[in-house]
Amino acid sequence: AIVFDVRKGAAQSLGSVTFQGLARTSPALARRVADLSPGSTFLREELDRARGELFSLGLFRSVRGETVPGPDGRVDVVLTAEELPPLAIAYGVRWENERGLAAVVDVADRNVFGRGLTLGTRVLYDPDDRAIRAFAGVPERLLGVGLDLWVERRRTFQEGLYAESRTDSTEASIQLS
């Protein structure tokens, strides 16, 4: 038989919470999202939850949490984040025999003002369809609800039997999630 001798020790309290690796991200945003309260009882699960919440912002490649025991029974926490590059650039090109060359380019800043806001633009070129879209996003963690919005200006061309027609349109969308 295996016998475990467990002795209850004194509860440790959370000391200071510091952040490292935040070049663009606001420390106030990181502190609010991590939601660790110095002076409260230290629980490893809370540190893991804080790491997950920070990572879920989509601003970091990795988030590590380290503990440093203090002589007074407090545990100091150091959260080290490796930020993703601020600008995301995506593009695509295709060729269709009937239509020719088409291309799309997206450029977005995922961390505007260090607050986790997204601002960007998308440009689409197709011989018969051209569009430019501006978009913005606010993560759910900031407002309690995710907010995505975009505005798009589009011009399409159609060849008719006797003449070519052009259609201009503007669309907008607001999504809550």
Protein backbone atom coordinates (compact mmCIF):
# COMPACT_ATOMS: atom_id res chain seq x y z
CA ALA A 1 0.00 0.00 0.00
CA ILE A 2 1.10 3.50 -0.72
CA VAL A 3 0.64 6.07 1.99
CA PHE A 4 0.87 9.82 1.40
CA ASP A 5 1.62 12.13 4.27
CA VAL A 6 0.14 15.53 3.36
CA ARG A 7 0.80 18.49 5.58
CA LYS A 8 -1.16 21.61 5.02
CA GLY A 9 0.99 24.69 4.75
CA ALA A 10 0.11 28.33 5.00
CA ALA A 11 -1.71 29.78 2.00
CA GLN A 12 0.46 31.97 -0.18
CA SER A 13 -0.76 35.34 -1.32
CA LEU A 14 -0.15 36.97 -4.65
CA GLY A 15 2.54 39.63 -4.48
CA SER A 16 3.41 41.86 -7.41
CA VAL A 17 2.37 41.16 -10.99
CA THR A 18 4.80 42.42 -13.62
CA PHE A 19 4.84 42.19 -17.41
CA GLN A 20 7.83 41.81 -19.69
CA GLY A 21 8.09 41.94 -23.47
CA LEU A 22 5.31 44.52 -24.02
CA ALA A 23 6.81 46.75 -26.69
CA ARG A 24 3.50 47.95 -28.21
CA THR A 25 0.82 46.54 -25.94
CA SER A 26 -0.37 48.79 -23.14
CA PRO A 27 0.59 47.41 -19.70
CA ALA A 28 -2.79 48.67 -18.45
CA LEU A 29 -4.55 46.49 -21.05
CA ALA A 30 -2.42 43.46 -20.09
CA ARG A 31 -3.14 44.06 -16.39
CA ARG A 32 -6.90 44.37 -17.00
CA VAL A 33 -7.02 41.23 -19.16
CA ALA A 34 -4.84 39.15 -16.79
CA ASP A 35 -7.08 40.19 -13.88
CA LEU A 36 -4.67 39.06 -11.15
CA SER A 37 -5.17 40.91 -7.85
CA PRO A 38 -2.11 41.37 -5.63
CA GLY A 39 -2.96 40.41 -2.07
CA SER A 40 -5.38 37.66 -3.08
CA THR A 41 -4.65 34.00 -2.45
CA PHE A 42 -2.17 32.68 -5.02
CA LEU A 43 -3.61 29.87 -7.14
CA ARG A 44 -1.64 28.31 -9.98
CA GLU A 45 -4.91 27.88 -11.91
CA GLU A 46 -5.42 31.66 -11.86
CA LEU A 47 -1.96 32.20 -13.34
CA ASP A 48 -2.77 29.69 -16.10
CA ARG A 49 -6.12 31.41 -16.74
CA ALA A 50 -4.38 34.82 -16.97
CA ARG A 51 -1.87 33.45 -19.50
CA GLY A 52 -4.73 32.03 -21.59
CA GLU A 53 -6.68 35.31 -21.49
CA LEU A 54 -3.64 37.29 -22.64
CA PHE A 55 -2.87 34.79 -25.40
CA SER A 56 -6.49 34.85 -26.60
CA LEU A 57 -6.15 38.55 -27.49
CA GLY A 58 -4.29 37.39 -30.62
CA LEU A 59 -1.43 39.85 -30.00
CA PHE A 60 1.19 37.42 -28.75
CA ARG A 61 3.19 34.54 -30.16
CA SER A 62 3.62 33.20 -26.62
CA VAL A 63 2.88 34.12 -23.00
CA ARG A 64 4.86 32.57 -20.14
CA GLY A 65 4.10 32.88 -16.45
CA GLU A 66 6.81 32.55 -13.84
CA THR A 67 6.54 32.66 -10.06
CA VAL A 68 9.10 34.08 -7.69
CA PRO A 69 8.55 33.12 -4.04
CA GLY A 70 9.20 35.94 -1.61
CA PRO A 71 10.48 35.63 1.95
CA ASP A 72 7.19 36.94 3.39
CA GLY A 73 5.00 34.16 1.95
CA ARG A 74 3.99 36.18 -1.09
CA VAL A 75 4.45 34.91 -4.62
CA ASP A 76 5.44 37.47 -7.23
CA VAL A 77 4.30 36.74 -10.79
CA VAL A 78 6.18 37.70 -13.94
CA LEU A 79 4.24 37.35 -17.21
CA THR A 80 6.53 37.43 -20.24
CA ALA A 81 4.89 37.93 -23.62
CA GLU A 82 6.39 37.69 -27.08
CA GLU A 83 4.40 40.08 -29.27
CA LEU A 84 3.47 39.27 -32.84
CA PRO A 85 4.55 41.76 -35.51
CA PRO A 86 2.11 44.68 -35.45
CA LEU A 87 1.37 44.67 -39.17
CA ALA A 88 -0.18 41.70 -40.87
CA ILE A 89 0.10 41.65 -44.65
CA ALA A 90 -1.67 39.03 -46.74
CA TYR A 91 -2.02 38.81 -50.50
CA GLY A 92 -3.17 36.52 -53.23
CA VAL A 93 -3.05 36.41 -57.02
CA ARG A 94 -4.97 34.25 -59.46
CA TRP A 95 -5.30 33.85 -63.20
CA GLU A 96 -8.48 32.89 -65.00
CA ASN A 97 -8.53 32.39 -68.76
CA GLU A 98 -11.86 34.18 -69.15
CA ARG A 99 -11.16 37.09 -66.81
CA GLY A 100 -7.40 37.50 -66.57
CA LEU A 101 -5.38 38.46 -63.54
CA ALA A 102 -7.01 39.12 -60.17
CA ALA A 103 -5.33 40.13 -56.91
CA VAL A 104 -6.21 40.87 -53.30
CA VAL A 105 -4.06 42.58 -50.65
CA ASP A 106 -4.87 42.94 -46.94
CA VAL A 107 -2.93 45.17 -44.56
CA ALA A 108 -3.92 45.29 -40.90
CA ASP A 109 -2.52 46.65 -37.66
CA ARG A 110 -3.67 44.23 -34.93
CA ASN A 111 -2.65 46.39 -31.99
CA VAL A 112 -3.57 50.03 -32.67
CA PHE A 113 -2.55 52.35 -29.82
CA GLY A 114 -1.41 49.27 -27.86
CA ARG A 115 -5.06 48.55 -27.00
CA GLY A 116 -5.68 45.40 -29.04
CA LEU A 117 -7.77 47.26 -31.62
CA THR A 118 -7.55 46.23 -35.27
CA LEU A 119 -7.54 48.63 -38.21
CA GLY A 120 -6.92 47.62 -41.77
CA THR A 121 -7.71 47.81 -45.43
CA ARG A 122 -8.33 45.30 -48.20
CA VAL A 123 -7.92 46.02 -51.89
CA LEU A 124 -9.35 43.73 -54.57
CA TYR A 125 -8.54 44.03 -58.25
CA ASP A 126 -10.24 41.96 -60.89
CA PRO A 127 -10.79 43.21 -64.45
CA ASP A 128 -14.54 43.19 -63.80
CA ASP A 129 -14.61 43.87 -60.06
CA ARG A 130 -12.61 46.39 -58.00
CA ALA A 131 -13.08 47.10 -54.33
CA ILE A 132 -11.49 48.74 -51.35
CA ARG A 133 -12.58 47.89 -47.82
CA ALA A 134 -11.65 49.57 -44.54
CA PHE A 135 -12.21 47.47 -41.44
CA ALA A 136 -11.87 47.74 -37.67
CA GLY A 137 -12.29 45.37 -34.77
CA VAL A 138 -12.51 45.51 -30.99
CA PRO A 139 -11.84 42.26 -29.10
CA GLU A 140 -14.58 40.86 -26.87
CA ARG A 141 -12.34 41.21 -23.83
CA LEU A 142 -12.45 45.02 -24.04
CA LEU A 143 -16.19 45.66 -24.34
CA GLY A 144 -17.70 42.41 -23.14
CA VAL A 145 -18.78 41.82 -26.74
CA GLY A 146 -16.68 41.59 -29.91
CA LEU A 147 -17.24 44.36 -32.44
CA ASP A 148 -16.27 44.15 -36.11
CA LEU A 149 -17.13 46.74 -38.69
CA TRP A 150 -16.24 47.45 -42.29
CA VAL A 151 -17.06 49.83 -45.11
CA GLU A 152 -16.52 48.85 -48.73
CA ARG A 153 -16.56 50.77 -51.99
CA ARG A 154 -16.97 48.53 -55.06
CA ARG A 155 -17.05 49.09 -58.80
CA THR A 156 -18.11 46.31 -61.16
CA PHE A 157 -18.05 46.23 -64.93
CA GLN A 158 -20.26 44.14 -67.18
CA GLU A 159 -20.10 43.83 -70.90
CA GLY A 160 -23.50 43.89 -72.48
CA LEU A 161 -24.55 43.07 -75.99
CA TYR A 162 -24.48 46.73 -77.09
CA ALA A 163 -22.63 48.56 -74.32
CA GLU A 164 -20.55 48.15 -71.22
CA SER A 165 -22.13 49.04 -67.88
CA ARG A 166 -20.50 50.12 -64.67
CA THR A 167 -22.03 49.76 -61.20
CA ASP A 168 -20.74 51.59 -58.14
CA SER A 169 -21.83 50.54 -54.67
CA THR A 170 -21.00 51.19 -51.05
CA GLU A 171 -21.73 48.70 -48.31
CA ALA A 172 -21.14 48.68 -44.57
CA SER A 173 -21.48 46.09 -41.84
CA ILE A 174 -21.39 46.04 -38.05
CA GLN A 175 -21.17 42.68 -36.30
CA LEU A 176 -21.40 41.93 -32.61
CA SER A 177 -20.13 38.60 -31.38
